[in-house]
Protein backbone atom coordinates (compact mmCIF):
# COMPACT_ATOMS: atom_id res chain seq x y z
CA MET A 1 15.71 41.76 -47.46
CA ALA A 2 15.34 38.47 -49.36
CA THR A 3 18.54 36.80 -50.44
CA THR A 4 18.98 36.13 -54.15
CA SER A 5 21.09 33.76 -56.21
CA GLN A 6 21.55 32.83 -59.83
CA ALA A 7 20.13 29.61 -61.22
CA THR A 8 19.79 27.97 -64.62
CA PHE A 9 16.51 26.41 -65.75
CA ARG A 10 16.66 23.95 -68.63
CA ILE A 11 13.11 24.01 -70.03
CA TRP A 12 11.71 21.88 -72.82
CA ARG A 13 10.49 24.01 -75.71
CA GLY A 14 8.67 22.83 -78.80
CA GLU A 15 5.43 21.40 -80.13
CA ASN A 16 4.09 17.90 -80.74
CA ASN A 17 7.19 16.13 -79.36
CA LYS A 18 9.50 18.16 -81.59
CA GLY A 19 11.90 20.55 -79.94
CA GLY A 20 14.60 20.57 -77.32
CA TYR A 21 15.86 22.09 -74.11
CA VAL A 22 16.55 25.79 -73.80
CA ASP A 23 18.57 27.21 -70.92
CA PHE A 24 17.38 30.30 -69.07
CA SER A 25 19.47 32.09 -66.46
CA LEU A 26 17.38 33.60 -63.71
CA GLU A 27 17.91 35.41 -60.43
CA VAL A 28 15.87 33.54 -57.84
CA GLU A 29 14.77 34.61 -54.38
CA GLU A 30 14.22 32.85 -51.11
CA GLY A 31 10.85 31.07 -50.91
CA MET A 32 10.32 30.66 -54.66
CA VAL A 33 8.87 27.50 -56.18
CA VAL A 34 9.53 26.15 -59.66
CA LEU A 35 6.29 27.63 -60.98
CA ASP A 36 7.43 31.09 -59.80
CA ALA A 37 10.61 30.68 -61.82
CA VAL A 38 8.72 29.49 -64.90
CA HIS A 39 6.35 32.46 -64.66
CA ARG A 40 9.25 34.89 -64.33
CA ILE A 41 10.93 33.36 -67.37
CA GLN A 42 7.63 33.58 -69.24
CA ALA A 43 7.26 37.24 -68.30
CA THR A 44 10.80 38.39 -69.05
CA GLN A 45 12.52 36.01 -71.46
CA ALA A 46 10.04 33.74 -73.26
CA THR A 47 6.61 35.33 -73.49
CA ASP A 48 5.28 32.50 -75.66
CA LEU A 49 6.22 29.75 -73.20
CA GLY A 50 3.32 27.33 -72.81
CA VAL A 51 2.52 26.15 -69.29
CA ARG A 52 -0.61 24.91 -67.50
CA TRP A 53 -1.44 26.19 -64.03
CA ASN A 54 -4.37 27.43 -62.03
CA CYS A 55 -4.51 27.57 -58.23
CA LYS A 56 -0.81 27.67 -57.31
CA ALA A 57 -1.79 26.00 -54.04
CA GLY A 58 -1.29 22.33 -54.85
CA LYS A 59 -5.01 21.61 -55.13
CA CYS A 60 -5.90 21.79 -58.83
CA GLY A 61 -3.26 19.48 -60.30
CA SER A 62 -2.78 21.67 -63.37
CA CYS A 63 0.95 22.40 -63.13
CA SER A 64 2.18 18.81 -63.26
CA ALA A 65 5.56 18.44 -64.92
CA GLU A 66 8.82 16.55 -64.61
CA ILE A 67 11.44 18.35 -62.57
CA ASN A 68 14.92 16.86 -62.79
CA GLY A 69 13.26 13.74 -64.19
CA SER A 70 10.77 13.32 -61.36
CA PRO A 71 7.00 13.93 -61.79
CA LYS A 72 6.01 16.77 -59.46
CA LEU A 73 3.72 19.77 -59.08
CA MET A 74 5.69 22.88 -60.04
CA CYS A 75 3.80 24.98 -57.50
CA MET A 76 4.76 22.67 -54.64
CA THR A 77 8.43 22.18 -55.51
CA ARG A 78 10.51 24.74 -53.62
CA LEU A 79 13.79 25.80 -55.15
CA ASN A 80 15.59 25.33 -51.85
CA THR A 81 14.94 21.58 -52.16
CA LEU A 82 16.86 21.47 -55.47
CA ASP A 83 20.58 21.66 -56.22
CA LEU A 84 20.77 25.06 -57.89
CA THR A 85 24.45 24.62 -58.67
CA LYS A 86 23.25 22.46 -61.54
CA PRO A 87 20.63 23.29 -64.21
CA VAL A 88 17.08 22.56 -63.08
CA THR A 89 15.42 20.52 -65.82
CA VAL A 90 11.72 21.18 -66.38
CA GLU A 91 9.87 19.14 -69.01
CA PRO A 92 6.30 18.01 -69.75
CA MET A 93 4.85 14.72 -68.54
CA ARG A 94 6.06 11.94 -70.80
CA THR A 95 3.06 9.62 -70.60
CA PHE A 96 0.63 11.87 -72.46
CA PRO A 97 0.67 13.47 -75.94
CA HIS A 98 2.79 16.59 -76.07
CA VAL A 99 1.08 19.83 -77.14
CA LYS A 100 3.46 22.74 -76.57
CA ASP A 101 6.42 23.37 -74.28
CA LEU A 102 5.31 22.15 -70.81
CA VAL A 103 1.71 21.41 -71.85
CA THR A 104 0.43 17.88 -72.49
CA ASP A 105 -2.98 16.58 -73.55
CA VAL A 106 -4.44 14.69 -70.58
CA SER A 107 -7.93 14.25 -72.06
CA TRP A 108 -7.44 10.46 -72.29
CA ASN A 109 -7.87 10.34 -68.52
CA PHE A 110 -11.35 11.83 -68.63
CA THR A 111 -12.37 9.34 -71.30
CA VAL A 112 -11.20 6.52 -69.04
CA LYS A 113 -13.20 7.86 -66.11
CA GLN A 114 -16.40 7.70 -68.14
CA ARG A 115 -15.88 3.95 -68.65
CA ILE A 116 -16.01 3.15 -64.93
CA PRO A 117 -19.53 2.22 -63.77
CA PRO A 118 -20.81 5.03 -61.53
CA PHE A 119 -22.09 4.84 -57.98
CA GLN A 120 -25.09 2.52 -57.59
CA ARG A 121 -26.93 3.02 -54.32
CA ARG A 122 -27.87 -0.21 -52.56
CA PRO A 123 -31.42 -0.75 -51.27
CA PRO A 124 -32.16 0.76 -47.83
CA ASP A 125 -31.99 -1.43 -44.74
CA SER A 126 -35.27 -0.10 -43.43
CA HIS A 127 -37.88 2.60 -43.80
CA GLY A 128 -38.58 5.02 -40.98
CA PRO A 129 -40.81 8.03 -40.50
CA ASP A 130 -38.23 10.18 -42.30
CA GLY A 131 -37.93 7.83 -45.27
CA PRO A 132 -35.45 5.11 -46.24
CA GLN A 133 -32.56 4.45 -43.87
CA TRP A 134 -29.18 2.75 -44.32
CA ARG A 135 -27.16 1.14 -41.56
CA VAL A 136 -23.37 1.54 -41.99
CA ARG A 137 -20.32 1.34 -39.76
CA GLN A 138 -18.19 4.44 -39.30
CA GLN A 139 -15.02 2.55 -40.23
CA ASP A 140 -16.59 1.63 -43.57
CA VAL A 141 -17.51 5.25 -44.16
CA ASP A 142 -13.97 6.38 -43.32
CA ARG A 143 -12.16 3.87 -45.50
CA PRO A 144 -12.79 5.35 -48.98
CA GLN A 145 -12.45 8.97 -47.81
CA GLU A 146 -8.69 8.93 -48.44
CA PHE A 147 -9.28 8.48 -52.17
CA ARG A 148 -11.44 11.61 -52.32
CA LYS A 149 -8.32 13.70 -51.73
CA CYS A 150 -7.16 13.02 -55.31
CA ILE A 151 -6.68 16.29 -57.24
CA GLU A 152 -6.27 14.53 -60.61
CA CYS A 153 -2.79 15.89 -61.22
CA PHE A 154 -2.13 12.59 -63.06
CA LEU A 155 1.41 12.34 -61.69
CA CYS A 156 0.66 8.74 -60.71
CA GLN A 157 -0.44 8.07 -64.28
CA ASP A 158 2.71 9.72 -65.58
CA VAL A 159 5.09 7.63 -63.47
CA CYS A 160 3.27 4.31 -63.97
CA HIS A 161 5.57 2.10 -66.04
CA VAL A 162 2.63 0.31 -67.71
CA LEU A 163 1.60 3.61 -69.29
CA ARG A 164 4.93 5.45 -69.39
CA GLU A 165 7.17 2.72 -70.80
CA HIS A 166 4.80 0.16 -72.32
CA HIS A 167 2.15 2.60 -73.59
CA MET A 168 -0.71 0.26 -72.71
CA HIS A 169 -3.31 3.00 -72.55
CA ASP A 170 -5.82 0.78 -74.33
CA LYS A 171 -5.54 -2.00 -71.72
CA PHE A 172 -4.77 -0.33 -68.39
CA ILE A 173 -6.66 2.53 -66.73
CA GLY A 174 -3.78 3.50 -64.44
CA PRO A 175 -3.52 4.07 -60.69
CA ARG A 176 -5.64 7.22 -60.59
CA PHE A 177 -8.69 5.35 -61.83
CA ILE A 178 -8.01 2.25 -59.80
CA ILE A 179 -8.38 4.44 -56.72
CA HIS A 180 -11.54 5.90 -58.26
CA ALA A 181 -12.88 2.36 -58.62
CA ALA A 182 -11.76 1.62 -55.06
CA GLN A 183 -13.59 4.69 -53.79
CA LEU A 184 -16.78 3.26 -55.28
CA GLU A 185 -16.19 -0.41 -54.42
CA MET A 186 -15.41 0.40 -50.78
CA ASN A 187 -18.34 2.78 -50.35
CA PRO A 188 -20.72 1.04 -47.90
CA LEU A 189 -23.73 2.45 -49.75
CA ASP A 190 -22.62 1.26 -53.19
CA ASP A 191 -24.23 -1.86 -54.65
CA GLY A 192 -22.17 -2.06 -57.84
CA ASN A 193 -19.60 -4.70 -58.75
CA ARG A 194 -16.69 -3.56 -60.91
CA LEU A 195 -14.39 -6.52 -60.27
CA GLU A 196 -15.00 -8.24 -63.59
CA ALA A 197 -14.36 -4.96 -65.40
CA LEU A 198 -11.18 -4.43 -63.37
CA LYS A 199 -10.01 -7.88 -64.43
CA ASP A 200 -11.04 -7.88 -68.09
CA ASP A 201 -11.35 -4.26 -69.24
CA PHE A 202 -9.30 -2.13 -66.87
CA GLY A 203 -6.18 -4.30 -66.65
CA ILE A 204 -5.58 -4.34 -62.90
CA GLY A 205 -3.42 -7.43 -63.39
CA TYR A 206 -0.81 -5.38 -65.26
CA CYS A 207 0.14 -3.50 -62.08
CA ASN A 208 3.05 -5.18 -60.31
CA ILE A 209 2.77 -2.95 -57.23
CA THR A 210 6.11 -1.14 -57.46
CA LYS A 211 4.57 1.73 -55.43
CA CYS A 212 5.97 4.34 -57.82
CA CYS A 213 2.53 5.93 -57.97
CA THR A 214 2.32 6.21 -54.20
CA LYS A 215 5.74 7.89 -54.03
CA VAL A 216 4.77 10.78 -56.34
CA CYS A 217 1.26 11.47 -54.98
CA PRO A 218 1.22 15.07 -53.66
CA GLU A 219 -1.76 14.26 -51.45
CA GLY A 220 -0.03 11.35 -49.75
CA ILE A 221 -2.67 8.82 -50.81
CA HIS A 222 -1.57 5.24 -50.16
CA ILE A 223 -2.55 4.20 -53.67
CA THR A 224 -0.84 0.82 -53.70
CA ASP A 225 -1.49 -0.43 -50.17
CA ASN A 226 -5.02 0.88 -49.68
CA ALA A 227 -6.51 0.68 -53.20
CA ILE A 228 -4.60 -1.45 -55.70
CA ILE A 229 -3.69 -4.39 -53.46
CA PRO A 230 -7.17 -4.70 -51.86
CA LEU A 231 -8.84 -4.63 -55.29
CA LYS A 232 -6.38 -7.20 -56.62
CA GLU A 233 -7.27 -9.41 -53.66
CA ARG A 234 -10.98 -9.02 -54.36
CA VAL A 235 -10.48 -9.96 -58.00
CA VAL A 236 -8.47 -13.05 -57.01
CA ASP A 237 -11.06 -14.07 -54.42
CA GLN A 238 -13.93 -13.79 -56.88
CA PHE A 239 -12.38 -15.30 -59.99
CA TYR A 240 -9.36 -17.41 -59.10
CA ASP A 241 -9.75 -18.78 -55.56
CA PRO A 242 -11.00 -22.41 -55.87
CA LEU A 243 -12.36 -22.43 -52.32
CA GLN A 244 -14.40 -19.32 -52.98
CA LYS A 245 -15.78 -20.89 -56.17
CA LEU A 246 -16.75 -24.02 -54.24
CA PHE A 247 -18.37 -21.92 -51.53
CA ARG A 248 -20.48 -20.05 -54.09
CA ILE A 249 -21.66 -23.32 -55.66
CA PHE A 250 -23.03 -24.65 -52.37
CA LYS A 251 -24.12 -21.31 -50.96
């Protein structure tokens, strides 16, 4: 028989940034996650509680929230990892416009994604009996695969201080879309060049590589080391390195 205990959940309630925390006392069982507790509260104590969720398997990114002040997926945060002797605080992501209770409007992110130049296939290396052929190294194929794991939970966007504290949504696309740009830039079959846009339009220079985005990624993507820093280096090489400029003049 599963063991049970009593816990208090301090959940943000309200609409359009107006509201406050409401405490709910709940009997919790072994193996529960935060989303289980929120659903039970919704079913028994607050039937109008607004919350986004979908797969409950950590793959859709819908149930992003801030748990005890830390951006996390509610479905992947087990209660036995939290101190249940204290109230568990659950609130919406702070970086995006608040809608209702735990729900925020993340549509800005999809607008940003549309601004990034899409994949542009480079010309084939040769033509064979089966049509055009491209020659690529396996290591170059493997490199951008890590970025494909992104589930667009936007936790990295939420924790990014450029967006969260300085509200520079009009100048900085955020870590999620820097890795999207990296996925394209590092694709061995892509012939596009997004470096000037990263420098001038997407604000890659605003990131000071604190690695806060990497720490909250539920997929374990090395956002800072494998995407942001390499793209910063490419931007510097192309636009600010005097030796590279000299090389291009006499190339």
